[in-house]
Amino acid sequence: MKDQKHLLFLFFVLLCTAIVSCDKEDGDDEYPNDQADQTRNSGLVARYSVSGNDISLIQSGPAANGFYNQTRQNEFWNFFTNLIPADARQVMKELELFADSEDGTAAYVAPINQNDLSIWEMGHNLDFVWDRNNQFVPGESAYTSIHEIAHLITLDNNQVSVGNGGCESFHTGEGCSTTASYINQFYNQFWGDIYAENQRIGQDDFDGFFAFYRKYQSRFVSEYAATNPGEDIAESFANYVMGDAPTGNSIAAQKIRFFDQFPELSNLKQRIKGNINFPISLPGIKGARSQRFMARVGSGL
């Protein structure tokens, strides 16, 4: 009888262990690794090569330790690839993740080779992907991602030719836009009468850009859009995708409707919107971005 009690007790212990193990497996988080360290370091997080939905580590930076660990890097990349269709980011060949709470730059794109606009890198500041309470911010992360994709769509080698000489259409800085390119048509329709005035503002003169925005406020969807035609078309596209169709006839509203004339862009809008499965507040997103812009006005930055 004593032996039977021991066997019964052993069976009970093993059963409980099995149940606990199963519960632990069933309750695993989607991103379970190294979540305990909440230290947010600044600097380079990581640099990756990109092939479709796959990324391969090129370099790990000092900010990869702590909060911006591999788990969170993967979380951002999965968010990005689930949002943006692969065919809209074919020219994106490198990804840089960095963290800098003092830098107002949420993201950027740049050609990897100045003489080849078919290969680009994209960078994202993870300090704007997670808020100060360490909560992922899907709304603004989506807006920023769409803004950057708009740059790739409007500046790649199908839209712009490298070179400075003999350009009779809009010169983007990277090269000469083709006559039928999105950005050249956008420039001709919305910027021809104010571009020279805009170009007299220094590149880092945010007071000047804000004054320019205030002067032509009905023409722009945001303060940042007033800095140059490239940022304007990217901001307008982000509003086109994430917002409702405008009802007025201001130039800002016309800029949003501009993309409807291109079936491929209208289709891309619908596919991205179909991937947005989280609540968004476009006024809230734009308000946060406006605050960051205004922080530079009067600061001398």
C-alpha atoms as a PDB file:
ATOM      1  CA  MET A   1       0.000   0.000   0.000  1.00  0.00           C
ATOM      2  CA  LYS A   2       2.900   2.322   0.845  1.00  0.00           C
ATOM      3  CA  ASP A   3       4.509   1.592  -2.526  1.00  0.00           C
ATOM      4  CA  GLN A   4       1.219   2.360  -4.267  1.00  0.00           C
ATOM      5  CA  LYS A   5       1.063   5.757  -2.512  1.00  0.00           C
ATOM      6  CA  HIS A   6       4.615   6.553  -3.641  1.00  0.00           C
ATOM      7  CA  LEU A   7       3.755   5.582  -7.205  1.00  0.00           C
ATOM      8  CA  LEU A   8       0.566   7.640  -7.090  1.00  0.00           C
ATOM      9  CA  PHE A   9       2.485  10.662  -5.771  1.00  0.00           C
ATOM     10  CA  LEU A  10       5.170  10.266  -8.459  1.00  0.00           C
ATOM     11  CA  PHE A  11       2.496  10.030 -11.141  1.00  0.00           C
ATOM     12  CA  PHE A  12       0.850  13.205  -9.794  1.00  0.00           C
ATOM     13  CA  VAL A  13       4.190  15.092  -9.833  1.00  0.00           C
ATOM     14  CA  LEU A  14       4.948  14.022 -13.406  1.00  0.00           C
ATOM     15  CA  LEU A  15       1.425  14.947 -14.511  1.00  0.00           C
ATOM     16  CA  CYS A  16       1.699  18.432 -12.988  1.00  0.00           C
ATOM     17  CA  THR A  17       5.109  18.935 -14.584  1.00  0.00           C
ATOM     18  CA  ALA A  18       3.701  17.980 -17.971  1.00  0.00           C
ATOM     19  CA  ILE A  19       0.741  20.333 -17.572  1.00  0.00           C
ATOM     20  CA  VAL A  20       2.976  23.237 -16.567  1.00  0.00           C
ATOM     21  CA  SER A  21       5.286  22.548 -19.518  1.00  0.00           C
ATOM     22  CA  CYS A  22       2.383  22.435 -21.951  1.00  0.00           C
ATOM     23  CA  ASP A  23       0.919  25.615 -20.523  1.00  0.00           C
ATOM     24  CA  LYS A  24       4.262  27.352 -20.903  1.00  0.00           C
ATOM     25  CA  GLU A  25       4.524  26.322 -24.554  1.00  0.00           C
ATOM     26  CA  ASP A  26       0.936  27.273 -25.286  1.00  0.00           C
ATOM     27  CA  GLY A  27       1.421  30.665 -23.629  1.00  0.00           C
ATOM     28  CA  ASP A  28       4.688  31.599 -25.365  1.00  0.00           C
ATOM     29  CA  ASP A  29       4.703  35.156 -26.704  1.00  0.00           C
ATOM     30  CA  GLU A  30       5.182  35.784 -30.405  1.00  0.00           C
ATOM     31  CA  TYR A  31       8.429  37.581 -29.511  1.00  0.00           C
ATOM     32  CA  PRO A  32       9.638  35.670 -26.438  1.00  0.00           C
ATOM     33  CA  ASN A  33      13.400  36.310 -26.438  1.00  0.00           C
ATOM     34  CA  ASP A  34      15.453  38.543 -24.142  1.00  0.00           C
ATOM     35  CA  GLN A  35      12.639  40.906 -23.177  1.00  0.00           C
ATOM     36  CA  ALA A  36      13.792  41.533 -19.615  1.00  0.00           C
ATOM     37  CA  ASP A  37      16.390  44.244 -20.314  1.00  0.00           C
ATOM     38  CA  GLN A  38      14.569  47.575 -20.710  1.00  0.00           C
ATOM     39  CA  THR A  39      17.713  49.702 -21.206  1.00  0.00           C
ATOM     40  CA  ARG A  40      17.374  51.887 -24.312  1.00  0.00           C
ATOM     41  CA  ASN A  41      20.777  52.674 -25.793  1.00  0.00           C
ATOM     42  CA  SER A  42      21.461  55.211 -28.551  1.00  0.00           C
ATOM     43  CA  GLY A  43      23.346  54.717 -31.786  1.00  0.00           C
ATOM     44  CA  LEU A  44      23.383  52.024 -34.429  1.00  0.00           C
ATOM     45  CA  VAL A  45      21.170  49.054 -33.664  1.00  0.00           C
ATOM     46  CA  ALA A  46      21.905  46.942 -36.730  1.00  0.00           C
ATOM     47  CA  ARG A  47      22.442  47.015 -40.469  1.00  0.00           C
ATOM     48  CA  TYR A  48      20.978  44.309 -42.701  1.00  0.00           C
ATOM     49  CA  SER A  49      21.021  43.315 -46.339  1.00  0.00           C
ATOM     50  CA  VAL A  50      17.503  42.887 -47.701  1.00  0.00           C
ATOM     51  CA  SER A  51      16.139  40.351 -50.167  1.00  0.00           C
ATOM     52  CA  GLY A  52      12.367  40.508 -50.360  1.00  0.00           C
ATOM     53  CA  ASN A  53      11.064  39.608 -46.912  1.00  0.00           C
ATOM     54  CA  ASP A  54      14.411  38.224 -45.761  1.00  0.00           C
ATOM     55  CA  ILE A  55      17.154  40.147 -43.986  1.00  0.00           C
ATOM     56  CA  SER A  56      20.758  39.126 -43.265  1.00  0.00           C
ATOM     57  CA  LEU A  57      22.842  40.829 -40.608  1.00  0.00           C
ATOM     58  CA  ILE A  58      25.723  42.958 -41.902  1.00  0.00           C
ATOM     59  CA  GLN A  59      26.624  44.736 -38.685  1.00  0.00           C
ATOM     60  CA  SER A  60      25.342  44.816 -35.126  1.00  0.00           C
ATOM     61  CA  GLY A  61      25.705  48.108 -33.274  1.00  0.00           C
ATOM     62  CA  PRO A  62      26.022  49.084 -29.607  1.00  0.00           C
ATOM     63  CA  ALA A  63      22.304  49.886 -29.327  1.00  0.00           C
ATOM     64  CA  ALA A  64      21.445  46.258 -30.150  1.00  0.00           C
ATOM     65  CA  ASN A  65      22.056  45.436 -26.498  1.00  0.00           C
ATOM     66  CA  GLY A  66      19.152  46.040 -24.148  1.00  0.00           C
ATOM     67  CA  PHE A  67      15.710  47.091 -25.296  1.00  0.00           C
ATOM     68  CA  TYR A  68      16.450  47.044 -29.037  1.00  0.00           C
ATOM     69  CA  ASN A  69      17.485  43.417 -29.013  1.00  0.00           C
ATOM     70  CA  GLN A  70      17.064  40.917 -31.827  1.00  0.00           C
ATOM     71  CA  THR A  71      13.497  40.193 -30.788  1.00  0.00           C
ATOM     72  CA  ARG A  72      12.385  43.788 -31.263  1.00  0.00           C
ATOM     73  CA  GLN A  73      14.343  44.156 -34.479  1.00  0.00           C
ATOM     74  CA  ASN A  74      12.426  41.171 -35.822  1.00  0.00           C
ATOM     75  CA  GLU A  75       9.167  42.627 -34.532  1.00  0.00           C
ATOM     76  CA  PHE A  76       9.693  45.827 -36.489  1.00  0.00           C
ATOM     77  CA  TRP A  77      10.731  44.010 -39.663  1.00  0.00           C
ATOM     78  CA  ASN A  78       7.706  41.714 -39.524  1.00  0.00           C
ATOM     79  CA  PHE A  79       5.470  44.753 -39.039  1.00  0.00           C
ATOM     80  CA  PHE A  80       7.052  46.508 -42.016  1.00  0.00           C
ATOM     81  CA  THR A  81       6.864  43.543 -44.404  1.00  0.00           C
ATOM     82  CA  ASN A  82       3.288  42.750 -43.390  1.00  0.00           C
ATOM     83  CA  LEU A  83       2.324  46.358 -44.153  1.00  0.00           C
ATOM     84  CA  ILE A  84       4.196  47.140 -47.373  1.00  0.00           C
ATOM     85  CA  PRO A  85       3.749  44.763 -50.344  1.00  0.00           C
ATOM     86  CA  ALA A  86       7.006  43.266 -51.584  1.00  0.00           C
ATOM     87  CA  ASP A  87       6.676  44.657 -55.112  1.00  0.00           C
ATOM     88  CA  ALA A  88       6.608  48.208 -53.703  1.00  0.00           C
ATOM     89  CA  ARG A  89      10.016  47.758 -52.066  1.00  0.00           C
ATOM     90  CA  GLN A  90      11.997  45.838 -54.671  1.00  0.00           C
ATOM     91  CA  VAL A  91      14.763  48.465 -54.802  1.00  0.00           C
ATOM     92  CA  MET A  92      15.263  48.353 -51.025  1.00  0.00           C
ATOM     93  CA  LYS A  93      18.457  46.348 -50.565  1.00  0.00           C
ATOM     94  CA  GLU A  94      19.678  47.456 -47.133  1.00  0.00           C
ATOM     95  CA  LEU A  95      18.016  48.292 -43.823  1.00  0.00           C
ATOM     96  CA  GLU A  96      19.563  50.355 -41.048  1.00  0.00           C
ATOM     97  CA  LEU A  97      17.977  50.383 -37.608  1.00  0.00           C
ATOM     98  CA  PHE A  98      19.164  53.052 -35.209  1.00  0.00           C
ATOM     99  CA  ALA A  99      18.029  54.732 -31.992  1.00  0.00           C
ATOM    100  CA  ASP A 100      18.281  58.434 -31.219  1.00  0.00           C
ATOM    101  CA  SER A 101      15.614  60.153 -29.145  1.00  0.00           C
ATOM    102  CA  GLU A 102      17.224  63.563 -29.721  1.00  0.00           C
ATOM    103  CA  ASP A 103      17.195  63.270 -33.514  1.00  0.00           C
ATOM    104  CA  GLY A 104      13.939  64.391 -35.118  1.00  0.00           C
ATOM    105  CA  THR A 105      14.547  62.005 -38.020  1.00  0.00           C
ATOM    106  CA  ALA A 106      12.088  59.118 -37.846  1.00  0.00           C
ATOM    107  CA  ALA A 107      13.406  57.425 -40.991  1.00  0.00           C
ATOM    108  CA  TYR A 108      15.267  58.038 -44.236  1.00  0.00           C
ATOM    109  CA  VAL A 109      16.104  56.546 -47.614  1.00  0.00           C
ATOM    110  CA  ALA A 110      19.275  56.994 -49.657  1.00  0.00           C
ATOM    111  CA  PRO A 111      20.766  55.362 -52.746  1.00  0.00           C
ATOM    112  CA  ILE A 112      23.466  52.854 -51.812  1.00  0.00           C
ATOM    113  CA  ASN A 113      25.417  53.965 -54.864  1.00  0.00           C
ATOM    114  CA  GLN A 114      24.923  57.558 -55.996  1.00  0.00           C
ATOM    115  CA  ASN A 115      25.274  56.389 -59.604  1.00  0.00           C
ATOM    116  CA  ASP A 116      22.705  53.592 -59.363  1.00  0.00           C
ATOM    117  CA  LEU A 117      19.143  54.425 -58.345  1.00  0.00           C
ATOM    118  CA  SER A 118      18.025  50.792 -58.566  1.00  0.00           C
ATOM    119  CA  ILE A 119      19.444  49.943 -55.114  1.00  0.00           C
ATOM    120  CA  TRP A 120      18.513  51.843 -51.955  1.00  0.00           C
ATOM    121  CA  GLU A 121      18.909  51.672 -48.207  1.00  0.00           C
ATOM    122  CA  MET A 122      16.199  52.590 -45.720  1.00  0.00           C
ATOM    123  CA  GLY A 123      16.783  53.595 -42.119  1.00  0.00           C
ATOM    124  CA  HIS A 124      14.331  53.641 -39.203  1.00  0.00           C
ATOM    125  CA  ASN A 125      14.765  55.321 -35.833  1.00  0.00           C
ATOM    126  CA  LEU A 126      13.402  52.789 -33.351  1.00  0.00           C
ATOM    127  CA  ASP A 127      12.968  55.488 -30.710  1.00  0.00           C
ATOM    128  CA  PHE A 128       9.877  56.525 -32.701  1.00  0.00           C
ATOM    129  CA  VAL A 129       8.668  52.947 -33.228  1.00  0.00           C
ATOM    130  CA  TRP A 130       8.395  52.373 -29.460  1.00  0.00           C
ATOM    131  CA  ASP A 131       7.128  55.151 -27.220  1.00  0.00           C
ATOM    132  CA  ARG A 132       8.618  56.251 -23.904  1.00  0.00           C
ATOM    133  CA  ASN A 133       6.495  53.632 -22.133  1.00  0.00           C
ATOM    134  CA  ASN A 134       8.127  50.961 -24.326  1.00  0.00           C
ATOM    135  CA  GLN A 135       4.884  50.371 -26.219  1.00  0.00           C
ATOM    136  CA  PHE A 136       4.981  49.664 -29.954  1.00  0.00           C
ATOM    137  CA  VAL A 137       3.416  52.542 -31.936  1.00  0.00           C
ATOM    138  CA  PRO A 138       1.799  51.014 -35.043  1.00  0.00           C
ATOM    139  CA  GLY A 139       0.033  54.111 -36.382  1.00  0.00           C
ATOM    140  CA  GLU A 140       2.982  56.445 -36.783  1.00  0.00           C
ATOM    141  CA  SER A 141       5.274  53.546 -37.718  1.00  0.00           C
ATOM    142  CA  ALA A 142       2.912  52.791 -40.592  1.00  0.00           C
ATOM    143  CA  TYR A 143       2.747  56.454 -41.661  1.00  0.00           C
ATOM    144  CA  THR A 144       6.540  56.733 -41.612  1.00  0.00           C
ATOM    145  CA  SER A 145       6.965  53.495 -43.564  1.00  0.00           C
ATOM    146  CA  ILE A 146       4.492  54.613 -46.231  1.00  0.00           C
ATOM    147  CA  HIS A 147       6.221  58.004 -46.473  1.00  0.00           C
ATOM    148  CA  GLU A 148       9.589  56.318 -47.060  1.00  0.00           C
ATOM    149  CA  ILE A 149       8.163  53.883 -49.602  1.00  0.00           C
ATOM    150  CA  ALA A 150       6.788  56.894 -51.485  1.00  0.00           C
ATOM    151  CA  HIS A 151      10.370  58.146 -51.801  1.00  0.00           C
ATOM    152  CA  LEU A 152      11.467  54.835 -53.309  1.00  0.00           C
ATOM    153  CA  ILE A 153       8.542  54.787 -55.722  1.00  0.00           C
ATOM    154  CA  THR A 154       9.178  58.353 -56.914  1.00  0.00           C
ATOM    155  CA  LEU A 155      12.996  58.363 -56.967  1.00  0.00           C
ATOM    156  CA  ASP A 156      14.087  54.960 -58.280  1.00  0.00           C
ATOM    157  CA  ASN A 157      15.795  54.325 -61.618  1.00  0.00           C
ATOM    158  CA  ASN A 158      12.457  53.988 -63.426  1.00  0.00           C
ATOM    159  CA  GLN A 159      11.565  57.556 -62.460  1.00  0.00           C
ATOM    160  CA  VAL A 160      14.899  59.392 -62.271  1.00  0.00           C
ATOM    161  CA  SER A 161      18.118  59.297 -64.309  1.00  0.00           C
ATOM    162  CA  VAL A 162      21.433  59.982 -62.601  1.00  0.00           C
ATOM    163  CA  GLY A 163      23.217  63.123 -63.756  1.00  0.00           C
ATOM    164  CA  ASN A 164      23.116  66.891 -63.620  1.00  0.00           C
ATOM    165  CA  GLY A 165      23.641  68.026 -67.176  1.00  0.00           C
ATOM    166  CA  GLY A 166      20.889  69.112 -69.550  1.00  0.00           C
ATOM    167  CA  CYS A 167      17.950  68.395 -67.240  1.00  0.00           C
ATOM    168  CA  GLU A 168      14.790  70.018 -68.594  1.00  0.00           C
ATOM    169  CA  SER A 169      12.438  68.428 -66.047  1.00  0.00           C
ATOM    170  CA  PHE A 170      12.516  68.507 -62.244  1.00  0.00           C
ATOM    171  CA  HIS A 171      15.918  67.645 -60.777  1.00  0.00           C
ATOM    172  CA  THR A 172      15.386  65.711 -57.570  1.00  0.00           C
ATOM    173  CA  GLY A 173      18.927  65.993 -56.231  1.00  0.00           C
ATOM    174  CA  GLU A 174      19.567  62.350 -57.043  1.00  0.00           C
ATOM    175  CA  GLY A 175      19.129  63.030 -60.748  1.00  0.00           C
ATOM    176  CA  CYS A 176      16.856  64.260 -63.510  1.00  0.00           C
ATOM    177  CA  SER A 177      13.283  63.037 -63.340  1.00  0.00           C
ATOM    178  CA  THR A 178      11.759  61.710 -66.526  1.00  0.00           C
ATOM    179  CA  THR A 179       9.063  63.816 -68.147  1.00  0.00           C
ATOM    180  CA  ALA A 180       6.341  61.300 -67.282  1.00  0.00           C
ATOM    181  CA  SER A 181       7.618  60.561 -63.760  1.00  0.00           C
ATOM    182  CA  TYR A 182       5.319  60.986 -60.786  1.00  0.00           C
ATOM    183  CA  ILE A 183       7.465  63.673 -59.211  1.00  0.00           C
ATOM    184  CA  ASN A 184       7.904  65.714 -62.390  1.00  0.00           C
ATOM    185  CA  GLN A 185       4.145  65.800 -62.952  1.00  0.00           C
ATOM    186  CA  PHE A 186       3.634  66.652 -59.283  1.00  0.00           C
ATOM    187  CA  TYR A 187       6.197  69.456 -59.494  1.00  0.00           C
ATOM    188  CA  ASN A 188       4.696  70.922 -62.679  1.00  0.00           C
ATOM    189  CA  GLN A 189       1.189  70.901 -61.234  1.00  0.00           C
ATOM    190  CA  PHE A 190       1.903  72.186 -57.734  1.00  0.00           C
ATOM    191  CA  TRP A 191       5.355  73.764 -57.421  1.00  0.00           C
ATOM    192  CA  GLY A 192       6.185  75.728 -60.551  1.00  0.00           C
ATOM    193  CA  ASP A 193       5.199  79.119 -59.130  1.00  0.00           C
ATOM    194  CA  ILE A 194       6.776  78.760 -55.662  1.00  0.00           C
ATOM    195  CA  TYR A 195       9.864  76.571 -56.143  1.00  0.00           C
ATOM    196  CA  ALA A 196      12.344  79.416 -56.617  1.00  0.00           C
ATOM    197  CA  GLU A 197      11.139  80.986 -53.365  1.00  0.00           C
ATOM    198  CA  ASN A 198      11.509  77.658 -51.568  1.00  0.00           C
ATOM    199  CA  GLN A 199      15.048  77.199 -52.868  1.00  0.00           C
ATOM    200  CA  ARG A 200      16.178  80.460 -51.300  1.00  0.00           C
ATOM    201  CA  ILE A 201      15.634  78.900 -47.854  1.00  0.00           C
ATOM    202  CA  GLY A 202      18.705  77.273 -46.321  1.00  0.00           C
ATOM    203  CA  GLN A 203      18.633  73.487 -46.067  1.00  0.00           C
ATOM    204  CA  ASP A 204      18.519  73.507 -42.255  1.00  0.00           C
ATOM    205  CA  ASP A 205      16.562  76.750 -41.843  1.00  0.00           C
ATOM    206  CA  PHE A 206      13.437  75.377 -40.185  1.00  0.00           C
ATOM    207  CA  ASP A 207      12.279  78.874 -39.288  1.00  0.00           C
ATOM    208  CA  GLY A 208      12.375  79.700 -42.978  1.00  0.00           C
ATOM    209  CA  PHE A 209      10.504  76.540 -43.940  1.00  0.00           C
ATOM    210  CA  PHE A 210       7.865  77.176 -41.294  1.00  0.00           C
ATOM    211  CA  ALA A 211       7.355  80.734 -42.571  1.00  0.00           C
ATOM    212  CA  PHE A 212       7.053  79.312 -46.101  1.00  0.00           C
ATOM    213  CA  TYR A 213       4.504  76.775 -44.864  1.00  0.00           C
ATOM    214  CA  ARG A 214       2.473  79.449 -43.088  1.00  0.00           C
ATOM    215  CA  LYS A 215       2.435  81.564 -46.238  1.00  0.00           C
ATOM    216  CA  TYR A 216       1.151  78.687 -48.383  1.00  0.00           C
ATOM    217  CA  GLN A 217      -0.566  76.585 -45.722  1.00  0.00           C
ATOM    218  CA  SER A 218      -3.549  75.605 -47.874  1.00  0.00           C
ATOM    219  CA  ARG A 219      -1.145  73.969 -50.314  1.00  0.00           C
ATOM    220  CA  PHE A 220       0.407  71.470 -47.918  1.00  0.00           C
ATOM    221  CA  VAL A 221      -0.739  68.476 -45.865  1.00  0.00           C
ATOM    222  CA  SER A 222       1.913  69.165 -43.191  1.00  0.00           C
ATOM    223  CA  GLU A 223       4.733  71.517 -42.234  1.00  0.00           C
ATOM    224  CA  TYR A 224       7.328  68.997 -43.364  1.00  0.00           C
ATOM    225  CA  ALA A 225       5.736  68.801 -46.811  1.00  0.00           C
ATOM    226  CA  ALA A 226       6.711  72.430 -47.390  1.00  0.00           C
ATOM    227  CA  THR A 227      10.450  71.708 -47.219  1.00  0.00           C
ATOM    228  CA  ASN A 228      10.762  70.515 -50.845  1.00  0.00           C
ATOM    229  CA  PRO A 229       8.796  68.726 -53.598  1.00  0.00           C
ATOM    230  CA  GLY A 230      10.256  65.330 -52.648  1.00  0.00           C
ATOM    231  CA  GLU A 231       9.002  65.524 -49.076  1.00  0.00           C
ATOM    232  CA  ASP A 232       5.743  67.014 -50.296  1.00  0.00           C
ATOM    233  CA  ILE A 233       4.923  64.103 -52.581  1.00  0.00           C
ATOM    234  CA  ALA A 234       5.884  61.593 -49.856  1.00  0.00           C
ATOM    235  CA  GLU A 235       3.745  63.328 -47.213  1.00  0.00           C
ATOM    236  CA  SER A 236       0.855  63.629 -49.660  1.00  0.00           C
ATOM    237  CA  PHE A 237       1.082  59.923 -50.515  1.00  0.00           C
ATOM    238  CA  ALA A 238       1.082  58.923 -46.834  1.00  0.00           C
ATOM    239  CA  ASN A 239      -2.089  60.983 -46.342  1.00  0.00           C
ATOM    240  CA  TYR A 240      -3.551  59.473 -49.524  1.00  0.00           C
ATOM    241  CA  VAL A 241      -3.074  55.958 -48.176  1.00  0.00           C
ATOM    242  CA  MET A 242      -3.958  56.459 -44.513  1.00  0.00           C
ATOM    243  CA  GLY A 243      -6.650  59.112 -44.707  1.00  0.00           C
ATOM    244  CA  ASP A 244     -10.105  59.470 -46.200  1.00  0.00           C
ATOM    245  CA  ALA A 245     -10.608  61.024 -49.605  1.00  0.00           C
ATOM    246  CA  PRO A 246     -10.623  64.830 -49.256  1.00  0.00           C
ATOM    247  CA  THR A 247     -13.814  66.709 -50.019  1.00  0.00           C
ATOM    248  CA  GLY A 248     -12.477  70.228 -50.576  1.00  0.00           C
ATOM    249  CA  ASN A 249     -10.619  71.691 -53.520  1.00  0.00           C
ATOM    250  CA  SER A 250      -7.590  73.205 -51.802  1.00  0.00           C
ATOM    251  CA  ILE A 251      -4.222  72.535 -53.387  1.00  0.00           C
ATOM    252  CA  ALA A 252      -3.459  70.201 -50.471  1.00  0.00           C
ATOM    253  CA  ALA A 253      -6.603  68.218 -51.326  1.00  0.00           C
ATOM    254  CA  GLN A 254      -5.658  68.201 -55.008  1.00  0.00           C
ATOM    255  CA  LYS A 255      -2.269  66.757 -54.090  1.00  0.00           C
ATOM    256  CA  ILE A 256      -3.921  63.847 -52.303  1.00  0.00           C
ATOM    257  CA  ARG A 257      -6.223  63.193 -55.260  1.00  0.00           C
ATOM    258  CA  PHE A 258      -3.224  63.458 -57.630  1.00  0.00           C
ATOM    259  CA  PHE A 259      -2.393  59.772 -57.107  1.00  0.00           C
ATOM    260  CA  ASP A 260      -5.813  58.547 -58.258  1.00  0.00           C
ATOM    261  CA  GLN A 261      -4.809  59.107 -61.890  1.00  0.00           C
ATOM    262  CA  PHE A 262      -2.257  56.288 -61.617  1.00  0.00           C
ATOM    263  CA  PRO A 263      -3.986  52.874 -61.352  1.00  0.00           C
ATOM    264  CA  GLU A 264      -0.853  51.231 -59.946  1.00  0.00           C
ATOM    265  CA  LEU A 265      -0.718  53.733 -57.066  1.00  0.00           C
ATOM    266  CA  SER A 266      -4.439  53.468 -56.390  1.00  0.00           C
ATOM    267  CA  ASN A 267      -4.028  49.688 -56.272  1.00  0.00           C
ATOM    268  CA  LEU A 268      -1.056  49.977 -53.916  1.00  0.00           C
ATOM    269  CA  LYS A 269      -3.112  52.196 -51.635  1.00  0.00           C
ATOM    270  CA  GLN A 270      -5.854  49.586 -51.398  1.00  0.00           C
ATOM    271  CA  ARG A 271      -3.400  46.783 -50.687  1.00  0.00           C
ATOM    272  CA  ILE A 272      -1.644  48.709 -47.921  1.00  0.00           C
ATOM    273  CA  LYS A 273      -4.952  49.770 -46.365  1.00  0.00           C
ATOM    274  CA  GLY A 274      -5.981  46.118 -46.428  1.00  0.00           C
ATOM    275  CA  ASN A 275      -2.913  45.310 -44.342  1.00  0.00           C
ATOM    276  CA  ILE A 276      -3.746  47.854 -41.632  1.00  0.00           C
ATOM    277  CA  ASN A 277      -5.337  45.745 -38.905  1.00  0.00           C
ATOM    278  CA  PHE A 278      -4.730  48.161 -36.032  1.00  0.00           C
ATOM    279  CA  PRO A 279      -6.472  51.391 -34.992  1.00  0.00           C
ATOM    280  CA  ILE A 280      -5.040  54.615 -36.397  1.00  0.00           C
ATOM    281  CA  SER A 281      -5.670  58.287 -35.754  1.00  0.00           C
ATOM    282  CA  LEU A 282      -4.287  60.314 -38.636  1.00  0.00           C
ATOM    283  CA  PRO A 283      -4.762  63.628 -36.767  1.00  0.00           C
ATOM    284  CA  GLY A 284      -2.866  62.180 -33.810  1.00  0.00           C
ATOM    285  CA  ILE A 285      -0.046  60.912 -36.017  1.00  0.00           C
ATOM    286  CA  LYS A 286       0.270  64.228 -37.815  1.00  0.00           C
ATOM    287  CA  GLY A 287       0.136  66.076 -34.508  1.00  0.00           C
ATOM    288  CA  ALA A 288       3.106  64.112 -33.150  1.00  0.00           C
ATOM    289  CA  ARG A 289       5.103  64.730 -36.321  1.00  0.00           C
ATOM    290  CA  SER A 290       4.186  68.416 -36.235  1.00  0.00           C
ATOM    291  CA  GLN A 291       5.492  68.690 -32.674  1.00  0.00           C
ATOM    292  CA  ARG A 292       8.850  67.273 -33.741  1.00  0.00           C
ATOM    293  CA  PHE A 293       9.053  69.706 -36.651  1.00  0.00           C
ATOM    294  CA  MET A 294       8.119  72.648 -34.450  1.00  0.00           C
ATOM    295  CA  ALA A 295      10.791  71.637 -31.925  1.00  0.00           C
ATOM    296  CA  ARG A 296      13.337  72.600 -34.579  1.00  0.00           C
ATOM    297  CA  VAL A 297      11.728  75.958 -35.317  1.00  0.00           C
ATOM    298  CA  GLY A 298      13.508  78.640 -33.339  1.00  0.00           C
ATOM    299  CA  SER A 299      16.025  76.141 -32.006  1.00  0.00           C
ATOM    300  CA  GLY A 300      18.783  76.898 -34.474  1.00  0.00           C
ATOM    301  CA  LEU A 301      18.880  73.232 -35.511  1.00  0.00           C
END
